[in-house]
Amino acid sequence: MLEVKESDLSKITGGGFSFGVAIGVGALVVFVIGLIDGYTNPIKCTVEKEAE
């Protein structure tokens, strides 16, 4: 069995949590949900006419 030294352990990177990736994934999920909702339940724009 190989024993890893303390100095070698401090050089190992990985498994970190990135807030940028989490925000990007969240934004993508919200966009896709909005896209599906807008496609399945379209709401027409209503413009009220001014009284002349």
PDB file of N, CA and C in Angstrom:
ATOM      1  N   MET A   1       0.847  -1.174   0.000  1.00  0.00           N
ATOM      2  CA  MET A   1       0.000   0.000   0.000  1.00  0.00           C
ATOM      3  C   MET A   1       0.894   1.240   0.000  1.00  0.00           C
ATOM      4  N   LEU A   2       0.478   2.243  -0.781  1.00  0.00           N
ATOM      5  CA  LEU A   2       1.267   3.451  -0.926  1.00  0.00           C
ATOM      6  C   LEU A   2       0.809   4.495   0.093  1.00  0.00           C
ATOM      7  N   GLU A   3       1.739   5.082   0.806  1.00  0.00           N
ATOM      8  CA  GLU A   3       1.414   6.121   1.776  1.00  0.00           C
ATOM      9  C   GLU A   3       1.725   7.480   1.162  1.00  0.00           C
ATOM     10  N   VAL A   4       0.753   8.386   1.199  1.00  0.00           N
ATOM     11  CA  VAL A   4       0.914   9.706   0.602  1.00  0.00           C
ATOM     12  C   VAL A   4       1.384  10.674   1.679  1.00  0.00           C
ATOM     13  N   LYS A   5       2.391  11.462   1.329  1.00  0.00           N
ATOM     14  CA  LYS A   5       2.930  12.426   2.289  1.00  0.00           C
ATOM     15  C   LYS A   5       2.003  13.634   2.406  1.00  0.00           C
ATOM     16  N   GLU A   6       2.132  14.356   3.527  1.00  0.00           N
ATOM     17  CA  GLU A   6       1.297  15.528   3.783  1.00  0.00           C
ATOM     18  C   GLU A   6       1.489  16.600   2.710  1.00  0.00           C
ATOM     19  N   SER A   7       2.694  16.790   2.234  1.00  0.00           N
ATOM     20  CA  SER A   7       2.955  17.798   1.207  1.00  0.00           C
ATOM     21  C   SER A   7       2.288  17.422  -0.119  1.00  0.00           C
ATOM     22  N   ASP A   8       2.236  16.132  -0.411  1.00  0.00           N
ATOM     23  CA  ASP A   8       1.558  15.684  -1.628  1.00  0.00           C
ATOM     24  C   ASP A   8       0.039  15.832  -1.506  1.00  0.00           C
ATOM     25  N   LEU A   9      -0.489  15.655  -0.293  1.00  0.00           N
ATOM     26  CA  LEU A   9      -1.931  15.792  -0.093  1.00  0.00           C
ATOM     27  C   LEU A   9      -2.389  17.230  -0.320  1.00  0.00           C
ATOM     28  N   SER A  10      -1.559  18.182   0.046  1.00  0.00           N
ATOM     29  CA  SER A  10      -1.952  19.579  -0.108  1.00  0.00           C
ATOM     30  C   SER A  10      -1.961  20.011  -1.573  1.00  0.00           C
ATOM     31  N   LYS A  11      -1.307  19.261  -2.451  1.00  0.00           N
ATOM     32  CA  LYS A  11      -1.252  19.595  -3.875  1.00  0.00           C
ATOM     33  C   LYS A  11      -2.438  19.030  -4.658  1.00  0.00           C
ATOM     34  N   ILE A  12      -3.204  18.138  -4.047  1.00  0.00           N
ATOM     35  CA  ILE A  12      -4.332  17.508  -4.732  1.00  0.00           C
ATOM     36  C   ILE A  12      -5.497  18.492  -4.783  1.00  0.00           C
ATOM     37  N   THR A  13      -6.058  18.686  -5.980  1.00  0.00           N
ATOM     38  CA  THR A  13      -7.225  19.559  -6.142  1.00  0.00           C
ATOM     39  C   THR A  13      -8.355  18.769  -6.779  1.00  0.00           C
ATOM     40  N   GLY A  14      -9.569  19.268  -6.599  1.00  0.00           N
ATOM     41  CA  GLY A  14     -10.715  18.616  -7.221  1.00  0.00           C
ATOM     42  C   GLY A  14     -11.899  18.553  -6.287  1.00  0.00           C
ATOM     43  N   GLY A  15     -13.055  18.405  -6.868  1.00  0.00           N
ATOM     44  CA  GLY A  15     -14.267  18.276  -6.078  1.00  0.00           C
ATOM     45  C   GLY A  15     -14.774  19.583  -5.518  1.00  0.00           C
ATOM     46  N   GLY A  16     -14.261  20.691  -5.985  1.00  0.00           N
ATOM     47  CA  GLY A  16     -14.688  21.979  -5.471  1.00  0.00           C
ATOM     48  C   GLY A  16     -16.054  22.373  -6.001  1.00  0.00           C
ATOM     49  N   PHE A  17     -16.750  23.204  -5.252  1.00  0.00           N
ATOM     50  CA  PHE A  17     -18.074  23.692  -5.641  1.00  0.00           C
ATOM     51  C   PHE A  17     -17.905  25.064  -6.258  1.00  0.00           C
ATOM     52  N   SER A  18     -18.427  25.236  -7.451  1.00  0.00           N
ATOM     53  CA  SER A  18     -18.311  26.503  -8.152  1.00  0.00           C
ATOM     54  C   SER A  18     -19.676  27.189  -8.187  1.00  0.00           C
ATOM     55  N   PHE A  19     -19.766  28.380  -7.592  1.00  0.00           N
ATOM     56  CA  PHE A  19     -21.026  29.108  -7.591  1.00  0.00           C
ATOM     57  C   PHE A  19     -21.404  29.557  -8.996  1.00  0.00           C
ATOM     58  N   GLY A  20     -20.422  29.842  -9.828  1.00  0.00           N
ATOM     59  CA  GLY A  20     -20.710  30.250 -11.203  1.00  0.00           C
ATOM     60  C   GLY A  20     -21.415  29.156 -11.979  1.00  0.00           C
ATOM     61  N   VAL A  21     -20.963  27.932 -11.811  1.00  0.00           N
ATOM     62  CA  VAL A  21     -21.597  26.801 -12.505  1.00  0.00           C
ATOM     63  C   VAL A  21     -22.999  26.572 -11.949  1.00  0.00           C
ATOM     64  N   ALA A  22     -23.157  26.690 -10.634  1.00  0.00           N
ATOM     65  CA  ALA A  22     -24.471  26.486 -10.019  1.00  0.00           C
ATOM     66  C   ALA A  22     -25.453  27.549 -10.494  1.00  0.00           C
ATOM     67  N   ILE A  23     -25.012  28.804 -10.586  1.00  0.00           N
ATOM     68  CA  ILE A  23     -25.881  29.880 -11.059  1.00  0.00           C
ATOM     69  C   ILE A  23     -26.229  29.669 -12.534  1.00  0.00           C
ATOM     70  N   GLY A  24     -25.260  29.241 -13.327  1.00  0.00           N
ATOM     71  CA  GLY A  24     -25.510  28.972 -14.744  1.00  0.00           C
ATOM     72  C   GLY A  24     -26.512  27.855 -14.950  1.00  0.00           C
ATOM     73  N   VAL A  25     -26.382  26.786 -14.191  1.00  0.00           N
ATOM     74  CA  VAL A  25     -27.323  25.667 -14.307  1.00  0.00           C
ATOM     75  C   VAL A  25     -28.716  26.104 -13.855  1.00  0.00           C
ATOM     76  N   GLY A  26     -28.781  26.871 -12.773  1.00  0.00           N
ATOM     77  CA  GLY A  26     -30.068  27.373 -12.293  1.00  0.00           C
ATOM     78  C   GLY A  26     -30.732  28.275 -13.308  1.00  0.00           C
ATOM     79  N   ALA A  27     -29.952  29.151 -13.942  1.00  0.00           N
ATOM     80  CA  ALA A  27     -30.501  30.052 -14.959  1.00  0.00           C
ATOM     81  C   ALA A  27     -31.006  29.264 -16.161  1.00  0.00           C
ATOM     82  N   LEU A  28     -30.291  28.242 -16.548  1.00  0.00           N
ATOM     83  CA  LEU A  28     -30.716  27.407 -17.672  1.00  0.00           C
ATOM     84  C   LEU A  28     -32.019  26.678 -17.352  1.00  0.00           C
ATOM     85  N   VAL A  29     -32.133  26.167 -16.148  1.00  0.00           N
ATOM     86  CA  VAL A  29     -33.354  25.462 -15.743  1.00  0.00           C
ATOM     87  C   VAL A  29     -34.545  26.416 -15.742  1.00  0.00           C
ATOM     88  N   VAL A  30     -34.359  27.616 -15.193  1.00  0.00           N
ATOM     89  CA  VAL A  30     -35.446  28.598 -15.161  1.00  0.00           C
ATOM     90  C   VAL A  30     -35.846  29.004 -16.574  1.00  0.00           C
ATOM     91  N   PHE A  31     -34.875  29.179 -17.457  1.00  0.00           N
ATOM     92  CA  PHE A  31     -35.172  29.547 -18.839  1.00  0.00           C
ATOM     93  C   PHE A  31     -35.969  28.461 -19.546  1.00  0.00           C
ATOM     94  N   VAL A  32     -35.559  27.221 -19.387  1.00  0.00           N
ATOM     95  CA  VAL A  32     -36.252  26.110 -20.051  1.00  0.00           C
ATOM     96  C   VAL A  32     -37.671  25.971 -19.508  1.00  0.00           C
ATOM     97  N   ILE A  33     -37.852  26.132 -18.198  1.00  0.00           N
ATOM     98  CA  ILE A  33     -39.196  26.058 -17.615  1.00  0.00           C
ATOM     99  C   ILE A  33     -40.070  27.176 -18.173  1.00  0.00           C
ATOM    100  N   GLY A  34     -39.534  28.383 -18.274  1.00  0.00           N
ATOM    101  CA  GLY A  34     -40.283  29.498 -18.844  1.00  0.00           C
ATOM    102  C   GLY A  34     -40.610  29.287 -20.304  1.00  0.00           C
ATOM    103  N   LEU A  35     -39.687  28.702 -21.028  1.00  0.00           N
ATOM    104  CA  LEU A  35     -39.907  28.421 -22.448  1.00  0.00           C
ATOM    105  C   LEU A  35     -41.037  27.409 -22.631  1.00  0.00           C
ATOM    106  N   ILE A  36     -41.008  26.358 -21.854  1.00  0.00           N
ATOM    107  CA  ILE A  36     -42.060  25.328 -21.940  1.00  0.00           C
ATOM    108  C   ILE A  36     -43.401  25.907 -21.504  1.00  0.00           C
ATOM    109  N   ASP A  37     -43.408  26.693 -20.430  1.00  0.00           N
ATOM    110  CA  ASP A  37     -44.647  27.295 -19.941  1.00  0.00           C
ATOM    111  C   ASP A  37     -45.218  28.270 -20.973  1.00  0.00           C
ATOM    112  N   GLY A  38     -44.382  29.052 -21.595  1.00  0.00           N
ATOM    113  CA  GLY A  38     -44.846  29.994 -22.604  1.00  0.00           C
ATOM    114  C   GLY A  38     -45.360  29.304 -23.855  1.00  0.00           C
ATOM    115  N   TYR A  39     -44.797  28.166 -24.187  1.00  0.00           N
ATOM    116  CA  TYR A  39     -45.243  27.426 -25.369  1.00  0.00           C
ATOM    117  C   TYR A  39     -46.574  26.720 -25.107  1.00  0.00           C
ATOM    118  N   THR A  40     -46.727  26.158 -23.915  1.00  0.00           N
ATOM    119  CA  THR A  40     -47.939  25.395 -23.620  1.00  0.00           C
ATOM    120  C   THR A  40     -49.090  26.277 -23.155  1.00  0.00           C
ATOM    121  N   ASN A  41     -48.792  27.483 -22.657  1.00  0.00           N
ATOM    122  CA  ASN A  41     -49.837  28.361 -22.144  1.00  0.00           C
ATOM    123  C   ASN A  41     -49.585  29.789 -22.623  1.00  0.00           C
ATOM    124  N   PRO A  42     -49.760  30.036 -23.938  1.00  0.00           N
ATOM    125  CA  PRO A  42     -49.483  31.383 -24.445  1.00  0.00           C
ATOM    126  C   PRO A  42     -50.541  32.383 -23.982  1.00  0.00           C
ATOM    127  N   ILE A  43     -50.081  33.562 -23.626  1.00  0.00           N
ATOM    128  CA  ILE A  43     -50.980  34.634 -23.206  1.00  0.00           C
ATOM    129  C   ILE A  43     -50.830  35.771 -24.208  1.00  0.00           C
ATOM    130  N   LYS A  44     -51.952  36.156 -24.825  1.00  0.00           N
ATOM    131  CA  LYS A  44     -51.899  37.223 -25.816  1.00  0.00           C
ATOM    132  C   LYS A  44     -51.723  38.567 -25.118  1.00  0.00           C
ATOM    133  N   CYS A  45     -51.048  39.460 -25.794  1.00  0.00           N
ATOM    134  CA  CYS A  45     -50.874  40.812 -25.286  1.00  0.00           C
ATOM    135  C   CYS A  45     -52.185  41.560 -25.436  1.00  0.00           C
ATOM    136  N   THR A  46     -52.582  42.261 -24.396  1.00  0.00           N
ATOM    137  CA  THR A  46     -53.796  43.063 -24.461  1.00  0.00           C
ATOM    138  C   THR A  46     -53.409  44.525 -24.353  1.00  0.00           C
ATOM    139  N   VAL A  47     -53.849  45.304 -25.334  1.00  0.00           N
ATOM    140  CA  VAL A  47     -53.582  46.732 -25.346  1.00  0.00           C
ATOM    141  C   VAL A  47     -54.905  47.442 -25.220  1.00  0.00           C
ATOM    142  N   GLU A  48     -55.027  48.236 -24.182  1.00  0.00           N
ATOM    143  CA  GLU A  48     -56.270  48.969 -23.977  1.00  0.00           C
ATOM    144  C   GLU A  48     -56.255  50.203 -24.859  1.00  0.00           C
ATOM    145  N   LYS A  49     -57.367  50.426 -25.572  1.00  0.00           N
ATOM    146  CA  LYS A  49     -57.466  51.584 -26.442  1.00  0.00           C
ATOM    147  C   LYS A  49     -57.839  52.808 -25.597  1.00  0.00           C
ATOM    148  N   GLU A  50     -57.226  53.919 -25.932  1.00  0.00           N
ATOM    149  CA  GLU A  50     -57.527  55.162 -25.214  1.00  0.00           C
ATOM    150  C   GLU A  50     -58.883  55.699 -25.665  1.00  0.00           C
ATOM    151  N   ALA A  51     -59.606  56.271 -24.736  1.00  0.00           N
ATOM    152  CA  ALA A  51     -60.898  56.875 -25.066  1.00  0.00           C
ATOM    153  C   ALA A  51     -60.644  58.176 -25.806  1.00  0.00           C
ATOM    154  N   GLU A  52     -61.250  58.312 -26.954  1.00  0.00           N
ATOM    155  CA  GLU A  52     -61.013  59.509 -27.767  1.00  0.00           C
ATOM    156  C   GLU A  52     -62.061  60.555 -27.539  1.00  0.00           C
TER     157      GLU A  52
END
